[in-house]
């Protein structure tokens, strides 16, 4: 994973470069202050998926690319 802070509003794509939406919520660890999970409201604006820092393949200032497909995310 490229070391870059993931921020609100960043575009998120799955491992197949399918656009999922934007980072809508960040769940922080109360003890360490580090991010534990990120929420992306899917483009249909009805459902959402969560991903962890371990699910990130690459993070740049343009987008976050995950190492899972949207189908794999929905199963977790």
PDB file of N, CA and C in Angstrom:
ATOM      1  N   UNK A   1       0.836  -1.184   0.000  1.00  0.00           N
ATOM      2  CA  UNK A   1       0.000   0.000   0.000  1.00  0.00           C
ATOM      3  C   UNK A   1       0.873   1.237   0.000  1.00  0.00           C
ATOM      4  N   UNK A   2       0.530   2.188  -0.820  1.00  0.00           N
ATOM      5  CA  UNK A   2       1.197   3.474  -0.808  1.00  0.00           C
ATOM      6  C   UNK A   2       0.789   4.210   0.458  1.00  0.00           C
ATOM      7  N   UNK A   3       1.765   4.730   1.191  1.00  0.00           N
ATOM      8  CA  UNK A   3       1.449   5.434   2.433  1.00  0.00           C
ATOM      9  C   UNK A   3       0.915   6.821   2.131  1.00  0.00           C
ATOM     10  N   UNK A   4      -0.370   6.971   2.227  1.00  0.00           N
ATOM     11  CA  UNK A   4      -1.032   8.253   2.058  1.00  0.00           C
ATOM     12  C   UNK A   4      -2.279   8.239   2.900  1.00  0.00           C
ATOM     13  N   UNK A   5      -2.556   9.348   3.535  1.00  0.00           N
ATOM     14  CA  UNK A   5      -3.757   9.426   4.352  1.00  0.00           C
ATOM     15  C   UNK A   5      -4.993   9.403   3.477  1.00  0.00           C
ATOM     16  N   UNK A   6      -5.937   8.563   3.849  1.00  0.00           N
ATOM     17  CA  UNK A   6      -7.217   8.500   3.150  1.00  0.00           C
ATOM     18  C   UNK A   6      -8.127   9.512   3.815  1.00  0.00           C
ATOM     19  N   UNK A   7      -8.736  10.368   3.009  1.00  0.00           N
ATOM     20  CA  UNK A   7      -9.543  11.459   3.533  1.00  0.00           C
ATOM     21  C   UNK A   7     -10.964  11.401   2.997  1.00  0.00           C
ATOM     22  N   UNK A   8     -11.854  12.138   3.667  1.00  0.00           N
ATOM     23  CA  UNK A   8     -13.232  12.260   3.215  1.00  0.00           C
ATOM     24  C   UNK A   8     -13.266  12.756   1.772  1.00  0.00           C
ATOM     25  N   UNK A   9     -14.180  12.198   0.997  1.00  0.00           N
ATOM     26  CA  UNK A   9     -14.388  12.665  -0.359  1.00  0.00           C
ATOM     27  C   UNK A   9     -13.477  12.048  -1.408  1.00  0.00           C
ATOM     28  N   UNK A  10     -12.495  11.225  -0.990  1.00  0.00           N
ATOM     29  CA  UNK A  10     -11.618  10.592  -1.973  1.00  0.00           C
ATOM     30  C   UNK A  10     -12.399   9.544  -2.755  1.00  0.00           C
ATOM     31  N   UNK A  11     -12.150   9.457  -4.050  1.00  0.00           N
ATOM     32  CA  UNK A  11     -12.785   8.448  -4.899  1.00  0.00           C
ATOM     33  C   UNK A  11     -12.232   7.075  -4.551  1.00  0.00           C
ATOM     34  N   UNK A  12     -13.109   6.070  -4.602  1.00  0.00           N
ATOM     35  CA  UNK A  12     -12.717   4.698  -4.286  1.00  0.00           C
ATOM     36  C   UNK A  12     -13.117   3.799  -5.444  1.00  0.00           C
ATOM     37  N   UNK A  13     -12.169   2.930  -5.866  1.00  0.00           N
ATOM     38  CA  UNK A  13     -12.444   1.934  -6.900  1.00  0.00           C
ATOM     39  C   UNK A  13     -12.074   0.565  -6.355  1.00  0.00           C
ATOM     40  N   UNK A  14     -12.737  -0.477  -6.882  1.00  0.00           N
ATOM     41  CA  UNK A  14     -12.396  -1.823  -6.442  1.00  0.00           C
ATOM     42  C   UNK A  14     -11.193  -2.331  -7.234  1.00  0.00           C
ATOM     43  N   UNK A  15     -10.829  -3.591  -7.022  1.00  0.00           N
ATOM     44  CA  UNK A  15      -9.630  -4.127  -7.664  1.00  0.00           C
ATOM     45  C   UNK A  15      -9.751  -4.203  -9.188  1.00  0.00           C
ATOM     46  N   UNK A  16     -10.983  -4.142  -9.696  1.00  0.00           N
ATOM     47  CA  UNK A  16     -11.220  -4.171 -11.139  1.00  0.00           C
ATOM     48  C   UNK A  16     -11.417  -2.770 -11.719  1.00  0.00           C
ATOM     49  N   UNK A  17     -11.053  -1.757 -10.933  1.00  0.00           N
ATOM     50  CA  UNK A  17     -11.206  -0.340 -11.304  1.00  0.00           C
ATOM     51  C   UNK A  17     -12.655   0.091 -11.467  1.00  0.00           C
ATOM     52  N   UNK A  18     -13.584  -0.639 -10.852  1.00  0.00           N
ATOM     53  CA  UNK A  18     -14.990  -0.246 -10.872  1.00  0.00           C
ATOM     54  C   UNK A  18     -15.192   0.853  -9.825  1.00  0.00           C
ATOM     55  N   UNK A  19     -15.676   2.030 -10.227  1.00  0.00           N
ATOM     56  CA  UNK A  19     -15.904   3.107  -9.264  1.00  0.00           C
ATOM     57  C   UNK A  19     -16.987   2.731  -8.255  1.00  0.00           C
ATOM     58  N   UNK A  20     -16.691   2.942  -6.972  1.00  0.00           N
ATOM     59  CA  UNK A  20     -17.647   2.618  -5.919  1.00  0.00           C
ATOM     60  C   UNK A  20     -18.324   3.868  -5.366  1.00  0.00           C
ATOM     61  N   UNK A  21     -17.610   4.950  -5.319  1.00  0.00           N
ATOM     62  CA  UNK A  21     -18.127   6.184  -4.742  1.00  0.00           C
ATOM     63  C   UNK A  21     -17.003   6.930  -4.056  1.00  0.00           C
ATOM     64  N   UNK A  22     -17.341   7.647  -2.994  1.00  0.00           N
ATOM     65  CA  UNK A  22     -16.350   8.436  -2.269  1.00  0.00           C
ATOM     66  C   UNK A  22     -16.366   8.056  -0.790  1.00  0.00           C
ATOM     67  N   UNK A  23     -15.219   8.252  -0.131  1.00  0.00           N
ATOM     68  CA  UNK A  23     -15.136   8.015   1.305  1.00  0.00           C
ATOM     69  C   UNK A  23     -16.105   8.971   1.992  1.00  0.00           C
ATOM     70  N   UNK A  24     -17.049   8.382   2.732  1.00  0.00           N
ATOM     71  CA  UNK A  24     -18.115   9.162   3.353  1.00  0.00           C
ATOM     72  C   UNK A  24     -17.970   9.231   4.867  1.00  0.00           C
ATOM     73  N   UNK A  25     -17.282   8.244   5.454  1.00  0.00           N
ATOM     74  CA  UNK A  25     -17.154   8.190   6.905  1.00  0.00           C
ATOM     75  C   UNK A  25     -15.867   7.450   7.247  1.00  0.00           C
ATOM     76  N   UNK A  26     -15.168   7.905   8.286  1.00  0.00           N
ATOM     77  CA  UNK A  26     -13.952   7.252   8.760  1.00  0.00           C
ATOM     78  C   UNK A  26     -14.163   6.887  10.217  1.00  0.00           C
ATOM     79  N   UNK A  27     -13.991   5.591  10.542  1.00  0.00           N
ATOM     80  CA  UNK A  27     -14.126   5.100  11.911  1.00  0.00           C
ATOM     81  C   UNK A  27     -12.732   5.040  12.513  1.00  0.00           C
ATOM     82  N   UNK A  28     -12.518   5.818  13.568  1.00  0.00           N
ATOM     83  CA  UNK A  28     -11.201   5.901  14.198  1.00  0.00           C
ATOM     84  C   UNK A  28     -11.135   4.985  15.423  1.00  0.00           C
ATOM     85  N   UNK A  29      -9.958   4.425  15.686  1.00  0.00           N
ATOM     86  CA  UNK A  29      -9.715   3.634  16.883  1.00  0.00           C
ATOM     87  C   UNK A  29      -9.597   4.590  18.067  1.00  0.00           C
ATOM     88  N   UNK A  30     -10.363   4.351  19.096  1.00  0.00           N
ATOM     89  CA  UNK A  30     -10.385   5.256  20.255  1.00  0.00           C
ATOM     90  C   UNK A  30      -9.055   5.285  21.006  1.00  0.00           C
ATOM     91  N   UNK A  31      -8.320   4.179  21.000  1.00  0.00           N
ATOM     92  CA  UNK A  31      -7.058   4.122  21.743  1.00  0.00           C
ATOM     93  C   UNK A  31      -5.893   4.702  20.966  1.00  0.00           C
ATOM     94  N   UNK A  32      -5.755   4.301  19.723  1.00  0.00           N
ATOM     95  CA  UNK A  32      -4.574   4.720  18.961  1.00  0.00           C
ATOM     96  C   UNK A  32      -4.804   5.978  18.132  1.00  0.00           C
ATOM     97  N   UNK A  33      -6.067   6.284  17.837  1.00  0.00           N
ATOM     98  CA  UNK A  33      -6.350   7.429  16.973  1.00  0.00           C
ATOM     99  C   UNK A  33      -6.149   7.124  15.497  1.00  0.00           C
ATOM    100  N   UNK A  34      -5.838   5.875  15.173  1.00  0.00           N
ATOM    101  CA  UNK A  34      -5.638   5.455  13.790  1.00  0.00           C
ATOM    102  C   UNK A  34      -6.969   5.045  13.165  1.00  0.00           C
ATOM    103  N   UNK A  35      -7.111   5.205  11.847  1.00  0.00           N
ATOM    104  CA  UNK A  35      -8.347   4.762  11.195  1.00  0.00           C
ATOM    105  C   UNK A  35      -8.475   3.239  11.227  1.00  0.00           C
ATOM    106  N   UNK A  36      -9.684   2.758  11.553  1.00  0.00           N
ATOM    107  CA  UNK A  36      -9.952   1.318  11.575  1.00  0.00           C
ATOM    108  C   UNK A  36     -10.757   0.866  10.380  1.00  0.00           C
ATOM    109  N   UNK A  37     -11.715   1.703   9.965  1.00  0.00           N
ATOM    110  CA  UNK A  37     -12.577   1.377   8.829  1.00  0.00           C
ATOM    111  C   UNK A  37     -12.944   2.657   8.102  1.00  0.00           C
ATOM    112  N   UNK A  38     -13.274   2.462   6.833  1.00  0.00           N
ATOM    113  CA  UNK A  38     -13.762   3.560   5.997  1.00  0.00           C
ATOM    114  C   UNK A  38     -15.090   3.133   5.406  1.00  0.00           C
ATOM    115  N   UNK A  39     -16.020   4.071   5.290  1.00  0.00           N
ATOM    116  CA  UNK A  39     -17.311   3.759   4.679  1.00  0.00           C
ATOM    117  C   UNK A  39     -17.420   4.486   3.347  1.00  0.00           C
ATOM    118  N   UNK A  40     -17.919   3.763   2.358  1.00  0.00           N
ATOM    119  CA  UNK A  40     -18.190   4.342   1.045  1.00  0.00           C
ATOM    120  C   UNK A  40     -19.669   4.140   0.766  1.00  0.00           C
ATOM    121  N   UNK A  41     -20.375   5.235   0.593  1.00  0.00           N
ATOM    122  CA  UNK A  41     -21.769   5.137   0.158  1.00  0.00           C
ATOM    123  C   UNK A  41     -21.706   4.867  -1.336  1.00  0.00           C
ATOM    124  N   UNK A  42     -22.268   3.746  -1.745  1.00  0.00           N
ATOM    125  CA  UNK A  42     -22.182   3.347  -3.141  1.00  0.00           C
ATOM    126  C   UNK A  42     -22.911   4.343  -4.030  1.00  0.00           C
ATOM    127  N   UNK A  43     -22.549   4.347  -5.290  1.00  0.00           N
ATOM    128  CA  UNK A  43     -23.103   5.318  -6.234  1.00  0.00           C
ATOM    129  C   UNK A  43     -24.619   5.267  -6.329  1.00  0.00           C
ATOM    130  N   UNK A  44     -25.229   4.118  -5.937  1.00  0.00           N
ATOM    131  CA  UNK A  44     -26.696   4.058  -5.952  1.00  0.00           C
ATOM    132  C   UNK A  44     -27.297   4.841  -4.784  1.00  0.00           C
ATOM    133  N   UNK A  45     -26.449   5.305  -3.850  1.00  0.00           N
ATOM    134  CA  UNK A  45     -26.827   6.163  -2.721  1.00  0.00           C
ATOM    135  C   UNK A  45     -27.789   5.493  -1.745  1.00  0.00           C
ATOM    136  N   UNK A  46     -27.961   4.186  -1.861  1.00  0.00           N
ATOM    137  CA  UNK A  46     -28.847   3.470  -0.950  1.00  0.00           C
ATOM    138  C   UNK A  46     -28.035   2.577  -0.023  1.00  0.00           C
ATOM    139  N   UNK A  47     -27.011   1.939  -0.544  1.00  0.00           N
ATOM    140  CA  UNK A  47     -26.214   1.010   0.241  1.00  0.00           C
ATOM    141  C   UNK A  47     -24.802   1.554   0.443  1.00  0.00           C
ATOM    142  N   UNK A  48     -24.094   0.907   1.348  1.00  0.00           N
ATOM    143  CA  UNK A  48     -22.728   1.318   1.645  1.00  0.00           C
ATOM    144  C   UNK A  48     -21.884   0.078   1.899  1.00  0.00           C
ATOM    145  N   UNK A  49     -20.583   0.220   1.720  1.00  0.00           N
ATOM    146  CA  UNK A  49     -19.639  -0.837   2.063  1.00  0.00           C
ATOM    147  C   UNK A  49     -18.561  -0.231   2.947  1.00  0.00           C
ATOM    148  N   UNK A  50     -17.974  -1.088   3.757  1.00  0.00           N
ATOM    149  CA  UNK A  50     -16.864  -0.686   4.610  1.00  0.00           C
ATOM    150  C   UNK A  50     -15.614  -1.405   4.149  1.00  0.00           C
ATOM    151  N   UNK A  51     -14.478  -0.727   4.291  1.00  0.00           N
ATOM    152  CA  UNK A  51     -13.205  -1.386   4.036  1.00  0.00           C
ATOM    153  C   UNK A  51     -12.219  -0.955   5.105  1.00  0.00           C
ATOM    154  N   UNK A  52     -11.231  -1.805   5.337  1.00  0.00           N
ATOM    155  CA  UNK A  52     -10.214  -1.540   6.347  1.00  0.00           C
ATOM    156  C   UNK A  52      -8.922  -1.107   5.657  1.00  0.00           C
ATOM    157  N   UNK A  53      -7.968  -0.579   6.415  1.00  0.00           N
ATOM    158  CA  UNK A  53      -6.682  -0.227   5.801  1.00  0.00           C
ATOM    159  C   UNK A  53      -6.017  -1.423   5.113  1.00  0.00           C
ATOM    160  N   UNK A  54      -6.267  -2.640   5.606  1.00  0.00           N
ATOM    161  CA  UNK A  54      -5.686  -3.842   4.990  1.00  0.00           C
ATOM    162  C   UNK A  54      -6.282  -4.130   3.613  1.00  0.00           C
ATOM    163  N   UNK A  55      -7.460  -3.577   3.312  1.00  0.00           N
ATOM    164  CA  UNK A  55      -8.101  -3.784   2.013  1.00  0.00           C
ATOM    165  C   UNK A  55      -7.620  -2.814   0.948  1.00  0.00           C
ATOM    166  N   UNK A  56      -6.721  -1.907   1.293  1.00  0.00           N
ATOM    167  CA  UNK A  56      -6.249  -0.884   0.362  1.00  0.00           C
ATOM    168  C   UNK A  56      -5.009  -1.384  -0.371  1.00  0.00           C
ATOM    169  N   UNK A  57      -5.096  -1.431  -1.700  1.00  0.00           N
ATOM    170  CA  UNK A  57      -3.948  -1.810  -2.515  1.00  0.00           C
ATOM    171  C   UNK A  57      -3.066  -0.599  -2.781  1.00  0.00           C
ATOM    172  N   UNK A  58      -3.700   0.555  -3.023  1.00  0.00           N
ATOM    173  CA  UNK A  58      -2.955   1.766  -3.339  1.00  0.00           C
ATOM    174  C   UNK A  58      -3.805   2.984  -3.010  1.00  0.00           C
ATOM    175  N   UNK A  59      -3.167   3.988  -2.448  1.00  0.00           N
ATOM    176  CA  UNK A  59      -3.860   5.243  -2.162  1.00  0.00           C
ATOM    177  C   UNK A  59      -3.016   6.390  -2.701  1.00  0.00           C
ATOM    178  N   UNK A  60      -3.600   7.144  -3.611  1.00  0.00           N
ATOM    179  CA  UNK A  60      -2.943   8.326  -4.146  1.00  0.00           C
ATOM    180  C   UNK A  60      -3.834   9.521  -3.865  1.00  0.00           C
ATOM    181  N   UNK A  61      -3.390  10.702  -4.218  1.00  0.00           N
ATOM    182  CA  UNK A  61      -4.252  11.860  -3.960  1.00  0.00           C
ATOM    183  C   UNK A  61      -5.468  11.876  -4.863  1.00  0.00           C
ATOM    184  N   UNK A  62      -5.460  11.108  -5.951  1.00  0.00           N
ATOM    185  CA  UNK A  62      -6.605  11.040  -6.864  1.00  0.00           C
ATOM    186  C   UNK A  62      -7.652  10.024  -6.430  1.00  0.00           C
ATOM    187  N   UNK A  63      -7.184   8.847  -5.928  1.00  0.00           N
ATOM    188  CA  UNK A  63      -8.151   7.801  -5.608  1.00  0.00           C
ATOM    189  C   UNK A  63      -7.552   6.748  -4.691  1.00  0.00           C
ATOM    190  N   UNK A  64      -8.460   5.932  -4.169  1.00  0.00           N
ATOM    191  CA  UNK A  64      -8.099   4.776  -3.357  1.00  0.00           C
ATOM    192  C   UNK A  64      -8.479   3.541  -4.163  1.00  0.00           C
ATOM    193  N   UNK A  65      -7.511   2.646  -4.360  1.00  0.00           N
ATOM    194  CA  UNK A  65      -7.793   1.390  -5.064  1.00  0.00           C
ATOM    195  C   UNK A  65      -7.729   0.262  -4.048  1.00  0.00           C
ATOM    196  N   UNK A  66      -8.787  -0.546  -4.015  1.00  0.00           N
ATOM    197  CA  UNK A  66      -8.869  -1.646  -3.070  1.00  0.00           C
ATOM    198  C   UNK A  66      -8.310  -2.930  -3.661  1.00  0.00           C
ATOM    199  N   UNK A  67      -7.988  -3.887  -2.792  1.00  0.00           N
ATOM    200  CA  UNK A  67      -7.502  -5.183  -3.275  1.00  0.00           C
ATOM    201  C   UNK A  67      -8.621  -6.219  -3.306  1.00  0.00           C
ATOM    202  N   UNK A  68      -9.879  -5.773  -3.202  1.00  0.00           N
ATOM    203  CA  UNK A  68     -11.060  -6.627  -3.278  1.00  0.00           C
ATOM    204  C   UNK A  68     -12.040  -6.072  -4.297  1.00  0.00           C
ATOM    205  N   UNK A  69     -12.892  -6.944  -4.810  1.00  0.00           N
ATOM    206  CA  UNK A  69     -13.974  -6.476  -5.683  1.00  0.00           C
ATOM    207  C   UNK A  69     -15.139  -6.016  -4.816  1.00  0.00           C
ATOM    208  N   UNK A  70     -16.074  -5.298  -5.395  1.00  0.00           N
ATOM    209  CA  UNK A  70     -17.234  -4.833  -4.646  1.00  0.00           C
ATOM    210  C   UNK A  70     -18.045  -6.023  -4.113  1.00  0.00           C
ATOM    211  N   UNK A  71     -18.111  -7.101  -4.866  1.00  0.00           N
ATOM    212  CA  UNK A  71     -18.830  -8.301  -4.416  1.00  0.00           C
ATOM    213  C   UNK A  71     -18.163  -8.899  -3.178  1.00  0.00           C
ATOM    214  N   UNK A  72     -16.834  -8.930  -3.153  1.00  0.00           N
ATOM    215  CA  UNK A  72     -16.116  -9.448  -1.990  1.00  0.00           C
ATOM    216  C   UNK A  72     -16.329  -8.547  -0.774  1.00  0.00           C
ATOM    217  N   UNK A  73     -16.367  -7.236  -0.991  1.00  0.00           N
ATOM    218  CA  UNK A  73     -16.605  -6.298   0.105  1.00  0.00           C
ATOM    219  C   UNK A  73     -17.986  -6.478   0.713  1.00  0.00           C
ATOM    220  N   UNK A  74     -18.972  -6.709  -0.128  1.00  0.00           N
ATOM    221  CA  UNK A  74     -20.345  -6.837   0.358  1.00  0.00           C
ATOM    222  C   UNK A  74     -20.535  -8.116   1.185  1.00  0.00           C
ATOM    223  N   UNK A  75     -19.648  -9.091   1.003  1.00  0.00           N
ATOM    224  CA  UNK A  75     -19.739 -10.341   1.760  1.00  0.00           C
ATOM    225  C   UNK A  75     -19.094 -10.239   3.133  1.00  0.00           C
ATOM    226  N   UNK A  76     -18.294  -9.208   3.350  1.00  0.00           N
ATOM    227  CA  UNK A  76     -17.604  -9.076   4.637  1.00  0.00           C
ATOM    228  C   UNK A  76     -18.410  -8.281   5.616  1.00  0.00           C
TER     229      UNK A  76
END
